[in-house]
Amino acid sequence: METETYSVSQAAQVLGIGRNAAYEAVRAGRLKCLRVGVKCRIPRAVIQRLLENPRALRPAKGSDA
């Protein structure tokens, strides 16, 4: 059975990015997460969309990130 949500570390592995980059993307709002208490869970659908359009993780031009 495939999981419906991933931890930020698991999502980073699936996306092929570093853990710190994944946490930064969450903080910047480029990687949407569900907050469950203090945990942040990334829905599988969000990861699928990012795999189809990896540019969505890149910071916008002119941003400080």
C-alpha atoms as a PDB file:
ATOM      1  CA  MET A   1       0.000   0.000   0.000  1.00  0.00           C
ATOM      2  CA  GLU A   2       1.360   3.403  -0.981  1.00  0.00           C
ATOM      3  CA  THR A   3       1.417   6.055   1.708  1.00  0.00           C
ATOM      4  CA  GLU A   4      -0.803   9.132   1.309  1.00  0.00           C
ATOM      5  CA  THR A   5       1.581  11.508   3.082  1.00  0.00           C
ATOM      6  CA  TYR A   6       5.322  11.786   3.542  1.00  0.00           C
ATOM      7  CA  SER A   7       7.538  13.387   6.145  1.00  0.00           C
ATOM      8  CA  VAL A   8       9.664  16.265   4.861  1.00  0.00           C
ATOM      9  CA  SER A   9      12.720  13.977   4.852  1.00  0.00           C
ATOM     10  CA  GLN A  10      10.880  11.292   2.882  1.00  0.00           C
ATOM     11  CA  ALA A  11       9.559  13.884   0.424  1.00  0.00           C
ATOM     12  CA  ALA A  12      13.110  15.190  -0.064  1.00  0.00           C
ATOM     13  CA  GLN A  13      14.290  11.680  -0.981  1.00  0.00           C
ATOM     14  CA  VAL A  14      11.440  11.170  -3.459  1.00  0.00           C
ATOM     15  CA  LEU A  15      12.073  14.585  -5.033  1.00  0.00           C
ATOM     16  CA  GLY A  16      15.835  14.076  -5.139  1.00  0.00           C
ATOM     17  CA  ILE A  17      16.643  17.165  -3.092  1.00  0.00           C
ATOM     18  CA  GLY A  18      18.372  17.666   0.236  1.00  0.00           C
ATOM     19  CA  ARG A  19      16.493  17.655   3.521  1.00  0.00           C
ATOM     20  CA  ASN A  20      17.451  21.264   4.237  1.00  0.00           C
ATOM     21  CA  ALA A  21      16.239  22.329   0.782  1.00  0.00           C
ATOM     22  CA  ALA A  22      12.928  20.579   1.430  1.00  0.00           C
ATOM     23  CA  TYR A  23      12.457  22.320   4.787  1.00  0.00           C
ATOM     24  CA  GLU A  24      13.329  25.655   3.153  1.00  0.00           C
ATOM     25  CA  ALA A  25      10.757  24.996   0.409  1.00  0.00           C
ATOM     26  CA  VAL A  26       8.127  24.274   3.084  1.00  0.00           C
ATOM     27  CA  ARG A  27       9.038  27.454   4.959  1.00  0.00           C
ATOM     28  CA  ALA A  28       8.878  29.519   1.746  1.00  0.00           C
ATOM     29  CA  GLY A  29       5.515  27.993   0.776  1.00  0.00           C
ATOM     30  CA  ARG A  30       6.825  26.280  -2.375  1.00  0.00           C
ATOM     31  CA  LEU A  31       6.248  22.824  -0.867  1.00  0.00           C
ATOM     32  CA  LYS A  32       2.768  22.623   0.632  1.00  0.00           C
ATOM     33  CA  CYS A  33       2.382  20.625   3.807  1.00  0.00           C
ATOM     34  CA  LEU A  34      -0.297  19.623   6.256  1.00  0.00           C
ATOM     35  CA  ARG A  35       0.462  20.478   9.864  1.00  0.00           C
ATOM     36  CA  VAL A  36      -0.525  17.732  12.287  1.00  0.00           C
ATOM     37  CA  GLY A  37       0.434  19.030  15.691  1.00  0.00           C
ATOM     38  CA  VAL A  38       4.120  19.823  15.365  1.00  0.00           C
ATOM     39  CA  LYS A  39       4.611  17.455  12.422  1.00  0.00           C
ATOM     40  CA  CYS A  40       4.573  18.530   8.798  1.00  0.00           C
ATOM     41  CA  ARG A  41       3.248  15.961   6.316  1.00  0.00           C
ATOM     42  CA  ILE A  42       3.482  16.332   2.534  1.00  0.00           C
ATOM     43  CA  PRO A  43       0.522  14.848   0.603  1.00  0.00           C
ATOM     44  CA  ARG A  44       1.405  12.402  -2.177  1.00  0.00           C
ATOM     45  CA  ALA A  45      -0.576  14.550  -4.650  1.00  0.00           C
ATOM     46  CA  VAL A  46       1.709  17.529  -3.941  1.00  0.00           C
ATOM     47  CA  ILE A  47       4.786  15.424  -4.640  1.00  0.00           C
ATOM     48  CA  GLN A  48       3.235  14.093  -7.860  1.00  0.00           C
ATOM     49  CA  ARG A  49       2.562  17.657  -9.084  1.00  0.00           C
ATOM     50  CA  LEU A  50       6.151  18.660  -8.283  1.00  0.00           C
ATOM     51  CA  LEU A  51       7.526  15.656 -10.150  1.00  0.00           C
ATOM     52  CA  GLU A  52       5.503  16.762 -13.173  1.00  0.00           C
ATOM     53  CA  ASN A  53       6.666  20.395 -12.827  1.00  0.00           C
ATOM     54  CA  PRO A  54       9.975  20.551 -10.901  1.00  0.00           C
ATOM     55  CA  ARG A  55      10.364  24.288 -11.598  1.00  0.00           C
ATOM     56  CA  ALA A  56       7.700  24.920  -8.955  1.00  0.00           C
ATOM     57  CA  LEU A  57      10.318  24.292  -6.247  1.00  0.00           C
ATOM     58  CA  ARG A  58      12.629  27.002  -7.530  1.00  0.00           C
ATOM     59  CA  PRO A  59      12.481  30.409  -5.849  1.00  0.00           C
ATOM     60  CA  ALA A  60      10.736  33.125  -7.810  1.00  0.00           C
ATOM     61  CA  LYS A  61      12.997  35.633  -9.543  1.00  0.00           C
ATOM     62  CA  GLY A  62      13.744  38.574  -7.320  1.00  0.00           C
ATOM     63  CA  SER A  63      13.016  36.683  -4.109  1.00  0.00           C
ATOM     64  CA  ASP A  64      15.476  36.482  -1.245  1.00  0.00           C
ATOM     65  CA  ALA A  65      15.288  32.670  -1.056  1.00  0.00           C
END
